[in-house]
N, C-alpha and C. Protein backbone atom coordinates (compact mmCIF):
# COMPACT_ATOMS: atom_id res chain seq x y z
N UNK A 1 19.73 3.70 7.81
CA UNK A 1 18.27 3.38 7.19
C UNK A 1 17.71 2.20 7.89
N UNK A 2 16.36 2.05 8.24
CA UNK A 2 15.61 0.94 8.92
C UNK A 2 15.37 -0.12 7.82
N UNK A 3 15.59 -1.46 8.34
CA UNK A 3 15.20 -2.49 7.34
C UNK A 3 13.74 -2.40 6.85
N UNK A 4 13.60 -2.76 5.61
CA UNK A 4 12.34 -2.77 4.84
C UNK A 4 11.18 -3.36 5.58
N UNK A 5 10.04 -2.97 5.42
CA UNK A 5 8.86 -3.74 5.86
C UNK A 5 8.12 -4.21 4.80
N UNK A 6 7.49 -5.40 5.47
CA UNK A 6 6.55 -6.08 4.21
C UNK A 6 5.46 -5.88 4.36
N UNK A 7 4.62 -5.66 3.35
CA UNK A 7 3.09 -5.44 3.65
C UNK A 7 2.16 -6.29 2.51
N UNK A 8 2.10 -7.58 2.71
CA UNK A 8 1.66 -8.56 1.61
C UNK A 8 0.14 -8.08 1.28
N UNK A 9 0.13 -8.27 -0.02
CA UNK A 9 -1.33 -7.68 -0.57
C UNK A 9 -2.29 -8.95 -0.40
N UNK A 10 -3.33 -8.83 0.18
CA UNK A 10 -4.20 -10.22 0.45
C UNK A 10 -5.10 -10.42 -1.04
N UNK A 11 -5.17 -9.41 -1.96
CA UNK A 11 -5.30 -9.54 -3.43
C UNK A 11 -5.04 -10.90 -3.95
N UNK A 12 -3.70 -11.39 -3.38
CA UNK A 12 -3.30 -12.72 -4.33
C UNK A 12 -3.84 -13.80 -3.34
N UNK A 13 -4.42 -13.32 -2.12
CA UNK A 13 -4.84 -14.77 -0.99
C UNK A 13 -6.01 -15.33 -1.47
N UNK A 14 -6.18 -16.53 -0.80
CA UNK A 14 -7.56 -17.25 -1.08
C UNK A 14 -8.37 -16.68 -0.29
N UNK A 15 -9.58 -16.02 -0.98
CA UNK A 15 -10.43 -15.05 -0.49
C UNK A 15 -11.73 -16.01 0.14
N UNK A 16 -11.84 -17.12 -0.07
CA UNK A 16 -12.52 -18.08 0.77
C UNK A 16 -12.31 -18.53 1.88
N UNK A 17 -11.18 -17.80 2.57
CA UNK A 17 -10.48 -17.88 3.88
C UNK A 17 -9.58 -17.07 4.01
N UNK A 18 -10.25 -15.69 3.99
CA UNK A 18 -9.03 -14.56 4.05
C UNK A 18 -8.66 -14.43 5.61
N UNK A 19 -9.60 -15.00 6.56
CA UNK A 19 -9.18 -14.64 8.11
C UNK A 19 -8.01 -15.61 8.21
N UNK A 20 -7.92 -16.63 8.03
CA UNK A 20 -6.92 -17.68 8.25
C UNK A 20 -5.94 -17.25 7.35
N UNK A 21 -5.76 -16.58 6.30
CA UNK A 21 -4.74 -16.26 5.49
C UNK A 21 -3.92 -15.29 6.17
N UNK A 22 -4.84 -14.18 6.64
CA UNK A 22 -4.03 -13.01 7.36
C UNK A 22 -3.23 -13.63 8.66
N UNK A 23 -4.04 -14.62 9.48
CA UNK A 23 -3.07 -15.01 10.54
C UNK A 23 -2.28 -15.87 10.04
N UNK A 24 -2.08 -16.51 8.97
CA UNK A 24 -1.06 -16.82 8.52
C UNK A 24 0.20 -15.78 8.33
N UNK A 25 0.17 -14.74 7.48
CA UNK A 25 0.69 -13.86 7.03
C UNK A 25 1.25 -13.27 8.61
N UNK A 26 0.68 -13.10 9.76
CA UNK A 26 1.17 -12.29 10.40
C UNK A 26 2.17 -13.45 11.40
N UNK A 27 2.14 -14.73 11.33
CA UNK A 27 3.10 -15.70 11.82
C UNK A 27 3.98 -15.62 11.13
N UNK A 28 4.09 -15.25 9.94
CA UNK A 28 5.28 -15.49 8.97
C UNK A 28 5.91 -14.21 8.89
N UNK A 29 5.70 -13.43 9.93
CA UNK A 29 6.48 -12.03 10.07
C UNK A 29 6.10 -10.95 9.24
N UNK A 30 5.14 -11.08 8.57
CA UNK A 30 4.79 -9.54 8.10
C UNK A 30 4.71 -8.64 8.94
N UNK A 31 4.58 -7.15 8.18
CA UNK A 31 4.79 -6.05 8.80
C UNK A 31 3.49 -5.38 9.31
N UNK A 32 2.76 -5.33 7.96
CA UNK A 32 1.35 -4.73 7.63
C UNK A 32 0.60 -5.73 6.97
N UNK A 33 -0.69 -5.42 6.79
CA UNK A 33 -1.65 -6.19 5.81
C UNK A 33 -2.14 -5.12 4.86
N UNK A 34 -2.02 -5.32 3.39
CA UNK A 34 -2.42 -4.44 2.50
C UNK A 34 -3.81 -4.67 2.09
N UNK A 35 -4.46 -3.95 2.16
CA UNK A 35 -5.82 -4.15 1.74
C UNK A 35 -6.37 -3.61 0.50
N UNK A 36 -6.28 -4.03 -0.64
CA UNK A 36 -6.57 -3.18 -1.94
C UNK A 36 -8.16 -3.17 -2.09
N UNK A 37 -9.01 -1.82 -1.90
CA UNK A 37 -10.29 -1.69 -2.39
C UNK A 37 -10.39 -1.15 -3.56
N UNK A 38 -11.05 -1.63 -4.62
CA UNK A 38 -11.37 -1.29 -5.79
C UNK A 38 -12.77 -1.15 -6.10
N UNK A 39 -13.35 -0.01 -7.10
CA UNK A 39 -14.78 -0.02 -6.88
C UNK A 39 -15.51 -0.13 -8.52
N UNK A 40 -14.43 -0.49 -9.65
CA UNK A 40 -14.97 -0.90 -10.61
C UNK A 40 -15.17 0.40 -11.65
N UNK A 41 -14.95 1.56 -10.66
CA UNK A 41 -15.02 2.79 -11.33
C UNK A 41 -13.89 3.44 -11.84
N UNK A 42 -12.85 3.90 -10.55
CA UNK A 42 -11.82 4.38 -10.66
C UNK A 42 -10.57 3.52 -11.10
N UNK A 43 -10.87 2.22 -10.94
CA UNK A 43 -10.26 1.18 -11.55
C UNK A 43 -10.93 0.07 -12.09
N UNK A 44 -10.40 -0.64 -13.18
CA UNK A 44 -11.33 -1.30 -13.85
C UNK A 44 -11.41 -3.13 -12.85
N UNK A 45 -11.78 -3.05 -11.59
CA UNK A 45 -11.87 -4.20 -10.82
C UNK A 45 -12.88 -3.67 -9.97
N UNK A 46 -13.35 -4.86 -9.15
CA UNK A 46 -14.19 -4.71 -8.16
C UNK A 46 -13.60 -5.68 -6.73
N UNK A 47 -13.22 -5.21 -5.68
CA UNK A 47 -12.41 -6.18 -4.72
C UNK A 47 -13.48 -6.26 -3.43
N UNK A 48 -13.32 -5.65 -2.32
CA UNK A 48 -13.92 -5.57 -0.89
C UNK A 48 -14.05 -4.30 -0.67
N UNK A 49 -15.28 -4.07 0.11
CA UNK A 49 -15.52 -2.89 0.78
C UNK A 49 -15.26 -2.94 2.63
N UNK A 50 -15.93 -1.97 3.28
CA UNK A 50 -15.41 -1.66 4.45
C UNK A 50 -16.12 -2.99 5.31
N UNK A 51 -17.19 -3.43 5.14
CA UNK A 51 -18.00 -4.57 5.74
C UNK A 51 -16.81 -5.48 5.94
N UNK A 52 -16.19 -6.02 4.78
CA UNK A 52 -15.01 -7.24 4.71
C UNK A 52 -14.22 -6.91 5.77
N UNK A 53 -13.74 -5.54 5.65
CA UNK A 53 -12.55 -4.98 6.36
C UNK A 53 -12.73 -5.49 8.04
N UNK A 54 -14.00 -4.97 8.20
CA UNK A 54 -14.26 -4.62 9.76
C UNK A 54 -14.39 -6.60 10.19
N UNK A 55 -14.79 -7.11 9.47
CA UNK A 55 -14.76 -8.65 9.60
C UNK A 55 -13.67 -9.19 9.77
N UNK A 56 -12.48 -8.80 9.35
CA UNK A 56 -11.19 -9.48 9.28
C UNK A 56 -10.34 -8.91 10.36
N UNK A 57 -10.55 -7.89 10.63
CA UNK A 57 -10.32 -6.89 11.96
C UNK A 57 -9.70 -7.80 13.10
N UNK A 58 -10.47 -9.07 13.40
CA UNK A 58 -10.54 -9.67 14.29
C UNK A 58 -9.43 -10.72 14.42
N UNK A 59 -8.64 -10.88 12.98
CA UNK A 59 -7.84 -12.20 12.84
C UNK A 59 -6.39 -11.73 13.27
N UNK A 60 -6.09 -10.28 13.35
CA UNK A 60 -4.72 -9.76 13.19
C UNK A 60 -4.99 -8.48 14.03
N UNK A 61 -3.65 -8.56 14.67
CA UNK A 61 -3.22 -6.85 15.48
C UNK A 61 -2.39 -6.17 14.27
N UNK A 62 -1.80 -6.76 13.47
CA UNK A 62 -1.04 -6.01 12.42
C UNK A 62 -1.89 -4.78 11.84
N UNK A 63 -1.03 -3.77 11.58
CA UNK A 63 -1.81 -2.53 11.17
C UNK A 63 -2.52 -3.15 9.55
N UNK A 64 -3.69 -2.64 9.12
CA UNK A 64 -4.23 -2.54 7.91
C UNK A 64 -4.04 -1.49 7.25
N UNK A 65 -3.01 -1.74 6.07
CA UNK A 65 -2.78 -1.03 4.85
C UNK A 65 -3.67 -0.65 4.05
N UNK A 66 -4.64 0.04 4.11
CA UNK A 66 -5.74 0.22 3.30
C UNK A 66 -5.70 1.05 1.99
N UNK A 67 -5.44 0.63 0.77
CA UNK A 67 -5.37 1.36 -0.36
C UNK A 67 -6.46 1.56 -1.31
N UNK A 68 -7.18 2.93 -1.07
CA UNK A 68 -8.61 3.11 -1.62
C UNK A 68 -8.44 3.39 -2.96
N UNK A 69 -8.70 2.55 -3.64
CA UNK A 69 -8.91 3.10 -5.53
C UNK A 69 -10.29 3.00 -5.54
N UNK A 70 -10.77 4.20 -5.36
CA UNK A 70 -12.34 4.54 -5.55
C UNK A 70 -12.62 6.11 -5.60
N UNK A 71 -13.66 6.27 -6.38
CA UNK A 71 -13.93 7.72 -6.51
C UNK A 71 -15.36 7.83 -6.63
N UNK A 72 -16.02 9.32 -5.95
CA UNK A 72 -15.37 10.19 -5.32
C UNK A 72 -14.70 9.21 -4.11
N UNK A 73 -13.56 9.67 -3.34
CA UNK A 73 -13.01 8.79 -2.16
C UNK A 73 -13.53 9.54 -1.03
N UNK A 74 -13.67 10.84 -0.91
CA UNK A 74 -13.69 11.64 0.48
C UNK A 74 -15.11 11.09 1.30
N UNK A 75 -16.20 11.07 0.44
CA UNK A 75 -17.30 10.35 1.42
C UNK A 75 -17.46 9.15 1.96
N UNK A 76 -16.45 8.00 1.73
CA UNK A 76 -15.99 6.89 1.79
C UNK A 76 -14.86 6.98 3.23
N UNK A 77 -14.23 7.72 3.54
CA UNK A 77 -13.08 7.89 4.29
C UNK A 77 -13.62 7.01 5.53
N UNK A 78 -14.62 7.99 6.12
CA UNK A 78 -15.25 7.49 7.53
C UNK A 78 -15.35 5.99 7.71
N UNK A 79 -16.27 5.29 6.71
CA UNK A 79 -16.71 4.03 6.56
C UNK A 79 -15.28 3.10 7.01
N UNK A 80 -14.25 3.09 6.16
CA UNK A 80 -13.02 2.66 6.48
C UNK A 80 -12.26 2.77 7.53
N UNK A 81 -12.14 4.32 7.90
CA UNK A 81 -11.70 4.39 9.44
C UNK A 81 -12.29 3.44 10.58
N UNK A 82 -13.80 3.66 10.45
CA UNK A 82 -14.72 2.72 11.30
C UNK A 82 -14.47 1.27 11.02
N UNK A 83 -14.04 0.83 9.94
CA UNK A 83 -13.85 -0.57 9.75
C UNK A 83 -12.71 -1.44 10.22
N UNK A 84 -11.74 -0.27 10.78
CA UNK A 84 -10.38 -1.01 11.29
C UNK A 84 -9.28 -0.60 10.40
N UNK A 85 -9.34 0.19 9.53
CA UNK A 85 -7.95 0.73 8.62
C UNK A 85 -7.19 1.42 9.63
N UNK A 86 -5.51 1.35 9.66
CA UNK A 86 -4.83 1.91 10.33
C UNK A 86 -4.11 3.21 9.39
N UNK A 87 -4.12 2.55 8.19
CA UNK A 87 -3.48 3.53 7.30
C UNK A 87 -4.57 3.65 6.07
N UNK A 88 -5.06 4.78 5.51
CA UNK A 88 -5.53 5.11 4.79
C UNK A 88 -5.19 5.82 3.55
N UNK A 89 -4.99 5.21 2.21
CA UNK A 89 -3.98 5.82 1.14
C UNK A 89 -4.99 6.17 0.25
N UNK A 90 -5.28 7.11 -0.43
CA UNK A 90 -6.18 7.86 -1.43
C UNK A 90 -5.37 8.04 -2.82
N UNK A 91 -5.95 8.62 -3.75
CA UNK A 91 -5.31 8.99 -5.08
C UNK A 91 -5.64 10.23 -5.40
N UNK A 92 -4.60 11.24 -5.48
CA UNK A 92 -5.05 12.86 -5.74
C UNK A 92 -6.23 12.99 -6.83
N UNK A 93 -6.20 12.12 -7.90
CA UNK A 93 -7.47 12.19 -8.73
C UNK A 93 -8.70 11.80 -8.29
N UNK A 94 -8.95 11.21 -7.18
CA UNK A 94 -9.87 10.57 -6.59
C UNK A 94 -10.78 11.58 -5.62
N UNK A 95 -10.05 12.86 -5.63
CA UNK A 95 -11.01 13.63 -4.65
C UNK A 95 -10.97 15.06 -5.14
N UNK A 96 -11.76 15.86 -4.94
CA UNK A 96 -12.13 17.35 -5.31
C UNK A 96 -11.31 18.19 -4.27
N UNK A 97 -10.71 17.64 -3.40
CA UNK A 97 -10.22 18.57 -2.42
C UNK A 97 -9.13 17.55 -1.52
N UNK A 98 -7.74 17.71 -2.10
CA UNK A 98 -6.97 16.66 -1.10
C UNK A 98 -6.50 16.99 -0.08
N UNK A 99 -6.29 18.47 0.17
CA UNK A 99 -6.20 18.88 1.58
C UNK A 99 -7.42 18.45 2.49
N UNK A 100 -8.38 18.53 2.31
CA UNK A 100 -9.77 18.32 3.04
C UNK A 100 -9.61 16.84 3.11
N UNK A 101 -9.31 15.68 2.03
CA UNK A 101 -9.52 14.62 2.64
C UNK A 101 -8.43 13.97 3.33
N UNK A 102 -7.15 14.79 3.51
CA UNK A 102 -5.91 14.47 4.16
C UNK A 102 -6.44 14.86 5.61
N UNK A 103 -7.18 15.87 5.86
CA UNK A 103 -7.88 16.31 7.29
C UNK A 103 -8.72 15.31 7.65
N UNK A 104 -9.76 14.85 6.93
CA UNK A 104 -11.05 14.02 7.01
C UNK A 104 -10.00 12.72 7.75
N UNK A 105 -8.87 12.08 6.97
CA UNK A 105 -8.36 10.65 7.34
C UNK A 105 -7.89 11.31 8.85
N UNK A 106 -7.22 12.10 8.88
CA UNK A 106 -6.59 12.65 10.33
C UNK A 106 -7.45 12.75 11.25
N UNK A 107 -8.67 13.27 11.14
CA UNK A 107 -9.82 13.83 12.08
C UNK A 107 -9.98 12.36 12.46
N UNK A 108 -9.61 10.78 12.18
CA UNK A 108 -9.92 9.98 12.76
C UNK A 108 -8.80 9.03 13.33
N UNK A 109 -7.70 9.73 13.67
CA UNK A 109 -6.65 9.44 14.02
C UNK A 109 -5.86 8.43 13.11
N UNK A 110 -5.96 8.36 11.80
CA UNK A 110 -5.65 7.60 11.04
C UNK A 110 -4.22 7.90 10.22
N UNK A 111 -3.65 7.07 9.89
CA UNK A 111 -2.26 7.43 9.19
C UNK A 111 -2.81 7.89 7.69
N UNK A 112 -1.89 8.80 6.79
CA UNK A 112 -2.45 9.16 5.62
C UNK A 112 -1.75 8.77 4.59
N UNK A 113 -1.98 8.30 3.46
CA UNK A 113 -1.06 7.99 2.48
C UNK A 113 -1.74 8.63 1.16
N UNK A 114 -0.76 8.76 0.45
CA UNK A 114 -1.03 9.41 -1.18
C UNK A 114 -0.52 8.52 -2.03
N UNK A 115 -1.24 7.99 -2.81
CA UNK A 115 -0.69 7.21 -4.13
C UNK A 115 -0.80 7.71 -5.38
N UNK A 116 0.46 7.56 -5.99
CA UNK A 116 0.64 8.08 -7.44
C UNK A 116 0.57 6.78 -8.43
N UNK A 117 -0.12 6.93 -9.24
CA UNK A 117 -0.16 5.70 -10.35
C UNK A 117 1.19 6.33 -10.94
N UNK A 118 1.59 5.29 -11.98
CA UNK A 118 2.84 5.28 -12.93
C UNK A 118 2.76 6.81 -13.73
N UNK A 119 1.63 7.24 -14.32
CA UNK A 119 1.86 8.42 -15.00
C UNK A 119 1.30 9.74 -14.07
N UNK A 120 1.33 9.38 -12.88
CA UNK A 120 1.03 10.66 -12.12
C UNK A 120 2.40 11.28 -11.54
N UNK A 121 2.81 12.62 -11.75
CA UNK A 121 4.18 13.06 -10.91
C UNK A 121 4.21 13.04 -9.97
N UNK A 122 5.32 13.67 -9.08
CA UNK A 122 5.52 13.58 -7.91
C UNK A 122 5.08 15.14 -7.50
N UNK A 123 4.87 15.82 -8.50
CA UNK A 123 4.27 17.17 -8.41
C UNK A 123 2.87 16.87 -7.56
N UNK A 124 2.33 16.16 -7.54
CA UNK A 124 0.74 16.03 -7.10
C UNK A 124 1.18 15.74 -5.70
N UNK A 125 2.22 15.09 -5.09
CA UNK A 125 2.25 14.99 -3.71
C UNK A 125 3.50 15.88 -2.91
N UNK A 126 4.30 16.40 -3.79
CA UNK A 126 5.33 17.04 -3.13
C UNK A 126 4.68 18.53 -2.13
N UNK A 127 3.71 19.36 -2.76
CA UNK A 127 3.16 20.37 -1.67
C UNK A 127 2.63 19.61 -0.47
N UNK A 128 2.17 18.65 -0.20
CA UNK A 128 1.57 18.11 0.86
C UNK A 128 2.61 16.95 1.84
N UNK A 129 3.61 16.76 1.62
CA UNK A 129 4.65 15.69 1.93
C UNK A 129 4.51 16.20 3.51
N UNK A 130 4.51 17.24 4.15
CA UNK A 130 4.61 17.40 5.35
C UNK A 130 3.27 17.40 6.13
N UNK A 131 2.55 17.17 5.18
CA UNK A 131 0.87 16.79 6.08
C UNK A 131 0.42 15.24 6.17
N UNK A 132 1.42 14.55 5.27
CA UNK A 132 0.90 12.95 5.42
C UNK A 132 2.00 12.02 5.99
N UNK A 133 1.66 10.88 6.05
CA UNK A 133 2.80 9.63 6.73
C UNK A 133 3.24 8.73 5.69
N UNK A 134 2.60 8.82 4.26
CA UNK A 134 3.11 7.87 3.38
C UNK A 134 2.89 8.32 2.07
N UNK A 135 4.03 7.74 1.12
CA UNK A 135 3.56 7.94 -0.11
C UNK A 135 3.43 6.40 -0.85
N UNK A 136 2.31 6.04 -1.59
CA UNK A 136 2.47 4.82 -2.22
C UNK A 136 2.88 5.13 -3.54
N UNK A 137 3.95 4.77 -3.92
CA UNK A 137 4.31 4.20 -5.55
C UNK A 137 3.48 3.16 -6.15
N UNK A 138 2.89 3.29 -6.90
CA UNK A 138 2.03 2.32 -8.35
C UNK A 138 3.19 2.11 -8.99
N UNK A 139 4.10 0.69 -9.19
CA UNK A 139 4.97 0.32 -10.02
C UNK A 139 4.23 -0.35 -11.40
N UNK A 140 2.53 -0.66 -11.03
CA UNK A 140 1.78 -1.05 -12.19
C UNK A 140 0.70 -0.33 -12.24
N UNK A 141 -0.07 -0.25 -13.50
CA UNK A 141 -1.33 0.47 -13.64
C UNK A 141 -2.40 -0.32 -12.54
N UNK A 142 -2.70 0.08 -11.41
CA UNK A 142 -3.74 -0.11 -10.42
C UNK A 142 -5.04 -1.08 -11.03
N UNK A 143 -5.53 -1.99 -10.55
CA UNK A 143 -6.72 -2.80 -11.07
C UNK A 143 -6.63 -4.19 -10.94
N UNK A 144 -5.42 -4.91 -11.07
CA UNK A 144 -5.16 -6.30 -11.34
C UNK A 144 -3.96 -6.37 -10.60
N UNK A 145 -3.76 -7.86 -10.07
CA UNK A 145 -2.69 -8.50 -9.55
C UNK A 145 -1.71 -8.86 -10.57
N UNK A 146 -0.75 -9.41 -10.45
CA UNK A 146 0.16 -10.11 -11.31
C UNK A 146 0.55 -9.57 -12.47
N UNK A 147 0.92 -8.28 -12.53
CA UNK A 147 1.12 -7.45 -13.49
C UNK A 147 2.74 -7.18 -13.59
N UNK A 148 3.55 -6.79 -14.30
CA UNK A 148 4.73 -6.45 -15.05
C UNK A 148 5.01 -5.17 -14.24
N UNK A 149 6.16 -5.08 -13.60
CA UNK A 149 6.70 -4.23 -12.89
C UNK A 149 7.35 -3.12 -13.80
N UNK A 150 7.06 -1.81 -13.39
CA UNK A 150 7.58 -1.05 -14.44
C UNK A 150 8.37 -0.08 -13.70
N UNK A 151 9.73 -0.27 -14.21
CA UNK A 151 10.97 0.08 -13.56
C UNK A 151 11.13 1.60 -13.41
N UNK A 152 10.70 2.47 -14.44
CA UNK A 152 11.12 3.81 -14.68
C UNK A 152 10.40 4.57 -13.10
N UNK A 153 9.38 3.74 -12.60
CA UNK A 153 8.60 4.37 -11.46
C UNK A 153 9.73 4.56 -10.47
N UNK A 154 10.91 3.70 -10.34
CA UNK A 154 11.84 3.87 -9.29
C UNK A 154 12.49 5.46 -9.14
N UNK A 155 12.54 6.05 -10.52
CA UNK A 155 12.90 7.50 -10.22
C UNK A 155 12.23 8.34 -9.56
N UNK A 156 10.87 8.26 -9.43
CA UNK A 156 9.74 8.76 -8.30
C UNK A 156 10.23 8.31 -7.03
N UNK A 157 10.82 7.06 -6.77
CA UNK A 157 11.20 6.98 -5.27
C UNK A 157 12.48 7.74 -4.91
N UNK A 158 13.40 7.92 -5.95
CA UNK A 158 14.41 8.63 -5.72
C UNK A 158 14.20 9.96 -5.31
N UNK A 159 13.39 10.60 -6.10
CA UNK A 159 13.12 11.98 -6.07
C UNK A 159 12.57 12.01 -4.69
N UNK A 160 11.38 11.49 -4.45
CA UNK A 160 10.97 11.54 -2.69
C UNK A 160 11.73 11.25 -1.72
N UNK A 161 12.62 10.19 -1.75
CA UNK A 161 13.63 9.97 -0.81
C UNK A 161 14.57 11.45 -0.47
N UNK A 162 15.04 11.79 -1.58
CA UNK A 162 15.71 13.24 -1.69
C UNK A 162 15.07 14.25 -1.02
N UNK A 163 13.88 14.34 -1.05
CA UNK A 163 12.87 15.30 -0.63
C UNK A 163 12.67 15.41 0.71
N UNK A 164 12.37 13.99 1.17
CA UNK A 164 11.84 13.53 2.47
C UNK A 164 13.17 13.78 3.44
N UNK A 165 14.50 13.21 2.89
CA UNK A 165 15.43 13.29 3.72
C UNK A 165 16.01 14.79 3.91
N UNK A 166 15.78 15.48 2.82
CA UNK A 166 16.39 16.63 2.86
C UNK A 166 15.66 17.44 3.85
N UNK A 167 14.22 17.37 3.99
CA UNK A 167 13.27 18.12 4.75
C UNK A 167 13.34 17.23 6.44
N UNK A 168 14.20 16.20 6.59
CA UNK A 168 13.89 15.47 7.60
C UNK A 168 12.28 15.04 8.04
N UNK A 169 11.71 14.59 7.11
CA UNK A 169 10.11 14.34 7.35
C UNK A 169 10.28 12.41 7.68
N UNK A 170 9.00 12.36 8.24
CA UNK A 170 8.95 10.91 8.86
C UNK A 170 7.92 10.23 7.80
N UNK A 171 7.76 10.56 6.57
CA UNK A 171 6.96 10.11 5.26
C UNK A 171 7.76 8.83 5.21
N UNK A 172 6.88 7.75 5.16
CA UNK A 172 7.60 6.40 4.62
C UNK A 172 7.16 6.23 2.79
N UNK A 173 8.03 5.72 2.13
CA UNK A 173 7.82 5.35 0.87
C UNK A 173 7.38 3.81 0.69
N UNK A 174 6.23 3.73 0.05
CA UNK A 174 5.91 2.53 -0.09
C UNK A 174 5.68 2.08 -1.69
N UNK A 175 5.92 0.78 -2.15
CA UNK A 175 5.73 0.49 -3.70
C UNK A 175 5.01 -0.70 -3.70
N UNK A 176 4.29 -0.64 -4.90
CA UNK A 176 3.37 -1.38 -5.25
C UNK A 176 3.18 -2.04 -6.34
N UNK A 177 3.21 -3.24 -7.04
CA UNK A 177 2.94 -3.72 -8.07
C UNK A 177 4.06 -4.56 -8.75
N UNK A 178 3.74 -5.63 -9.24
CA UNK A 178 4.82 -6.66 -9.42
C UNK A 178 6.07 -6.76 -8.75
N UNK A 179 6.10 -6.68 -7.57
CA UNK A 179 7.03 -6.77 -6.79
C UNK A 179 7.68 -7.88 -6.91
N UNK A 180 8.87 -8.63 -7.10
CA UNK A 180 9.43 -10.06 -7.09
C UNK A 180 11.16 -9.53 -6.27
N UNK A 181 11.60 -10.91 -6.21
CA UNK A 181 12.62 -11.02 -5.36
C UNK A 181 13.90 -10.26 -6.16
N UNK A 182 13.74 -10.08 -7.32
CA UNK A 182 15.19 -9.27 -8.20
C UNK A 182 14.76 -7.58 -8.13
N UNK A 183 13.60 -7.19 -8.62
CA UNK A 183 13.12 -5.91 -8.20
C UNK A 183 13.27 -5.08 -6.85
N UNK A 184 12.62 -5.94 -5.88
CA UNK A 184 12.59 -5.76 -4.67
C UNK A 184 13.84 -5.16 -4.45
N UNK A 185 15.33 -5.75 -4.67
CA UNK A 185 16.32 -5.15 -4.14
C UNK A 185 16.67 -3.81 -5.00
N UNK A 186 16.07 -3.46 -6.19
CA UNK A 186 16.19 -2.02 -6.82
C UNK A 186 15.19 -1.29 -5.87
N UNK A 187 14.14 -1.67 -5.66
CA UNK A 187 13.19 -0.48 -4.73
C UNK A 187 14.02 -0.13 -3.38
N UNK A 188 14.50 -1.35 -2.90
CA UNK A 188 15.25 -0.90 -1.57
C UNK A 188 16.28 -0.04 -1.79
N UNK A 189 17.17 -0.03 -2.91
CA UNK A 189 18.44 1.00 -2.99
C UNK A 189 17.97 2.22 -3.45
N UNK A 190 16.71 2.15 -4.01
CA UNK A 190 16.19 3.31 -4.70
C UNK A 190 15.84 4.27 -3.43
N UNK A 191 15.41 3.54 -2.25
CA UNK A 191 14.96 4.31 -1.09
C UNK A 191 13.58 3.99 -0.35
N UNK A 192 13.02 2.75 -1.10
CA UNK A 192 11.51 2.05 -0.58
C UNK A 192 11.86 2.13 1.06
N UNK A 193 10.72 2.29 1.73
CA UNK A 193 10.76 1.93 3.20
C UNK A 193 9.80 0.59 3.23
N UNK A 194 8.88 0.48 2.46
CA UNK A 194 7.73 -0.59 2.59
C UNK A 194 7.98 -1.35 1.03
N UNK A 195 7.54 -2.84 1.21
CA UNK A 195 7.54 -3.44 -0.04
C UNK A 195 6.00 -4.14 -0.01
N UNK A 196 5.32 -3.88 -1.11
CA UNK A 196 3.95 -4.71 -0.99
C UNK A 196 4.35 -5.48 -2.06
N UNK A 197 3.73 -6.88 -1.78
CA UNK A 197 3.78 -8.03 -2.81
C UNK A 197 2.52 -8.76 -2.44
N UNK A 198 1.93 -9.31 -3.67
CA UNK A 198 1.01 -10.68 -3.60
C UNK A 198 1.66 -11.74 -4.13
N UNK A 199 1.68 -11.95 -5.48
CA UNK A 199 2.02 -12.87 -6.24
C UNK A 199 3.15 -13.57 -5.43
N UNK A 200 4.28 -12.78 -5.67
CA UNK A 200 5.41 -13.18 -5.04
C UNK A 200 5.32 -13.97 -3.88
N UNK A 201 4.72 -13.35 -2.88
CA UNK A 201 4.55 -14.06 -1.23
C UNK A 201 3.72 -15.24 -1.15
N UNK A 202 2.58 -15.24 -2.14
CA UNK A 202 1.68 -16.38 -2.03
C UNK A 202 2.00 -17.42 -2.85
N UNK A 203 2.95 -17.38 -4.00
CA UNK A 203 3.13 -18.24 -5.02
C UNK A 203 4.47 -18.95 -4.96
N UNK A 204 5.51 -18.04 -4.74
CA UNK A 204 6.89 -18.47 -4.86
C UNK A 204 7.20 -19.42 -3.87
N UNK A 205 8.23 -20.46 -4.11
CA UNK A 205 8.61 -21.12 -3.10
C UNK A 205 7.20 -22.12 -2.81
N UNK A 206 6.52 -22.82 -3.33
CA UNK A 206 5.32 -23.26 -3.04
C UNK A 206 4.30 -22.50 -1.79
N UNK A 207 4.52 -21.45 -2.24
CA UNK A 207 3.93 -20.38 -1.16
C UNK A 207 4.19 -20.47 0.43
N UNK A 208 5.43 -20.53 0.64
CA UNK A 208 6.19 -20.49 1.86
C UNK A 208 6.22 -19.12 2.36
N UNK A 209 5.26 -18.57 3.17
CA UNK A 209 5.12 -17.11 3.02
C UNK A 209 6.28 -16.83 3.75
N UNK A 210 6.69 -17.49 5.26
CA UNK A 210 7.81 -16.82 5.78
C UNK A 210 8.97 -16.64 5.12
N UNK A 211 9.45 -17.92 3.99
CA UNK A 211 10.58 -17.62 3.48
C UNK A 211 10.58 -16.94 2.32
N UNK A 212 9.48 -16.30 1.83
CA UNK A 212 9.16 -15.00 0.94
C UNK A 212 9.05 -13.79 1.52
N UNK A 213 8.51 -13.77 2.59
CA UNK A 213 8.77 -12.58 3.06
C UNK A 213 10.32 -12.29 3.66
N UNK A 214 11.00 -13.28 4.20
CA UNK A 214 12.54 -13.06 4.68
C UNK A 214 12.98 -12.71 3.42
N UNK A 215 13.02 -13.22 2.31
CA UNK A 215 13.71 -13.16 1.08
C UNK A 215 13.96 -11.61 0.83
N UNK A 216 12.26 -11.12 0.58
CA UNK A 216 12.20 -9.85 0.14
C UNK A 216 12.73 -8.94 1.25
N UNK A 217 12.57 -9.16 2.52
CA UNK A 217 13.23 -8.21 3.46
C UNK A 217 14.80 -8.30 3.33
N UNK A 218 15.35 -9.13 2.95
CA UNK A 218 17.05 -9.17 3.24
C UNK A 218 17.76 -9.26 1.63
N UNK A 219 16.68 -9.62 0.84
CA UNK A 219 17.62 -9.61 -0.57
C UNK A 219 18.20 -10.71 -0.80
């Protein structure tokens, strides 16, 4: 198994200086940049849109791991593809036709992610596993940073890990929500490939990004 990748969530960054925060994350050896897009409708919060993402694109060559918590999502896929997203992750509940939305993302040569909320069954993603690149397991209810990790979501990780390995697929498993130094180990042991972390990376050890990323990677 390859070493786990770290995708810091800029939801916990200083929004007044996002460009330099992203540059600091790259220097600190982050693997991706996780960007949460919320619409105040699908989830009870509002963050940033494609215009901001396109402005941030020049600050790093790291892949933009863009999680769309917006509904209806289909008509906005092109905007985020054009803005510089490398991975576009959507929720099954946010589209009328999941297959068509997957095809739409692929038509822009972007990687496709499907996100499962804590109450969403793996049955929503198992039929399309061979069409996508990533499954994002939400280990909190989406909408706000700093929430407590829901441990039983690791059961979904185990189910998916078994299915992906059985079918020899190249789908990666990502987890997002309340990830800290302790539960990161549990997630890695369950079969996660990518850890999303915001509060832990930006706040622990006096905000030493490099140290915090390294601890999450190595346990």
